[in-house]
Amino acid sequence: MPRKKLDRKKDYIQIVIQPDDKIAFEAWCIANNITMSEIIRKEIAPYVVKGKKLLER
């Protein structure tokens, strides 16, 4: 049975990365029990906050 599509209001960010760099990053993520998305969200979070403050002006 097909899954129901969730009404998510999210956008996606894509980056270009060398295949061997991606393999290394995936290995590190697996070893540390974390997802790539979690790392990226954590790293860009301060800039998102600053951007929201700029938009509030």
C-alpha atoms as a PDB file:
ATOM      1  CA  MET A   1       0.000   0.000   0.000  1.00  0.00           C
ATOM      2  CA  PRO A   2       1.430   3.446  -0.901  1.00  0.00           C
ATOM      3  CA  ARG A   3       2.415   5.685   1.938  1.00  0.00           C
ATOM      4  CA  LYS A   4       0.464   8.844   2.601  1.00  0.00           C
ATOM      5  CA  LYS A   5       2.439  11.915   1.608  1.00  0.00           C
ATOM      6  CA  LEU A   6       3.106  14.076   4.630  1.00  0.00           C
ATOM      7  CA  ASP A   7       2.385  17.763   4.314  1.00  0.00           C
ATOM      8  CA  ARG A   8       5.840  19.015   5.158  1.00  0.00           C
ATOM      9  CA  LYS A   9       6.824  22.569   4.474  1.00  0.00           C
ATOM     10  CA  LYS A  10      10.527  22.001   4.129  1.00  0.00           C
ATOM     11  CA  ASP A  11      13.000  23.001   1.496  1.00  0.00           C
ATOM     12  CA  TYR A  12      16.131  21.127   0.556  1.00  0.00           C
ATOM     13  CA  ILE A  13      19.717  22.320   0.283  1.00  0.00           C
ATOM     14  CA  GLN A  14      21.984  20.487  -2.096  1.00  0.00           C
ATOM     15  CA  ILE A  15      25.767  20.636  -2.140  1.00  0.00           C
ATOM     16  CA  VAL A  16      28.389  19.309  -4.479  1.00  0.00           C
ATOM     17  CA  ILE A  17      30.893  16.983  -2.836  1.00  0.00           C
ATOM     18  CA  GLN A  18      33.576  14.687  -4.158  1.00  0.00           C
ATOM     19  CA  PRO A  19      32.552  11.017  -4.002  1.00  0.00           C
ATOM     20  CA  ASP A  20      35.483  10.048  -1.783  1.00  0.00           C
ATOM     21  CA  ASP A  21      34.743  12.953   0.582  1.00  0.00           C
ATOM     22  CA  LYS A  22      31.130  11.798   0.844  1.00  0.00           C
ATOM     23  CA  ILE A  23      32.235   8.258   1.642  1.00  0.00           C
ATOM     24  CA  ALA A  24      34.568   9.558   4.358  1.00  0.00           C
ATOM     25  CA  PHE A  25      31.857  11.817   5.801  1.00  0.00           C
ATOM     26  CA  GLU A  26      29.331   8.953   5.812  1.00  0.00           C
ATOM     27  CA  ALA A  27      31.857   6.716   7.590  1.00  0.00           C
ATOM     28  CA  TRP A  28      32.398   9.356  10.276  1.00  0.00           C
ATOM     29  CA  CYS A  29      28.650   9.872  10.688  1.00  0.00           C
ATOM     30  CA  ILE A  30      28.050   6.128  11.080  1.00  0.00           C
ATOM     31  CA  ALA A  31      30.893   5.815  13.582  1.00  0.00           C
ATOM     32  CA  ASN A  32      29.415   8.702  15.599  1.00  0.00           C
ATOM     33  CA  ASN A  33      25.781   7.596  15.252  1.00  0.00           C
ATOM     34  CA  ILE A  34      24.633  10.855  13.653  1.00  0.00           C
ATOM     35  CA  THR A  35      23.144  11.717  10.279  1.00  0.00           C
ATOM     36  CA  MET A  36      24.593  14.054   7.694  1.00  0.00           C
ATOM     37  CA  SER A  37      21.476  16.196   7.959  1.00  0.00           C
ATOM     38  CA  GLU A  38      21.916  16.607  11.708  1.00  0.00           C
ATOM     39  CA  ILE A  39      25.493  17.796  11.243  1.00  0.00           C
ATOM     40  CA  ILE A  40      24.549  20.260   8.513  1.00  0.00           C
ATOM     41  CA  ARG A  41      21.564  21.662  10.434  1.00  0.00           C
ATOM     42  CA  LYS A  42      23.745  22.114  13.531  1.00  0.00           C
ATOM     43  CA  GLU A  43      26.467  23.880  11.553  1.00  0.00           C
ATOM     44  CA  ILE A  44      24.153  26.324   9.749  1.00  0.00           C
ATOM     45  CA  ALA A  45      21.875  27.032  12.746  1.00  0.00           C
ATOM     46  CA  PRO A  46      23.747  30.209  13.869  1.00  0.00           C
ATOM     47  CA  TYR A  47      23.493  31.660  10.361  1.00  0.00           C
ATOM     48  CA  VAL A  48      19.786  30.871  10.167  1.00  0.00           C
ATOM     49  CA  VAL A  49      19.222  32.766  13.433  1.00  0.00           C
ATOM     50  CA  LYS A  50      21.211  35.750  12.134  1.00  0.00           C
ATOM     51  CA  GLY A  51      19.296  35.672   8.867  1.00  0.00           C
ATOM     52  CA  LYS A  52      15.956  35.651  10.666  1.00  0.00           C
ATOM     53  CA  LYS A  53      17.041  38.696  12.683  1.00  0.00           C
ATOM     54  CA  LEU A  54      17.951  40.478   9.436  1.00  0.00           C
ATOM     55  CA  LEU A  55      14.530  39.655   7.973  1.00  0.00           C
ATOM     56  CA  GLU A  56      12.757  41.039  11.046  1.00  0.00           C
ATOM     57  CA  ARG A  57      14.195  44.520  10.434  1.00  0.00           C
END
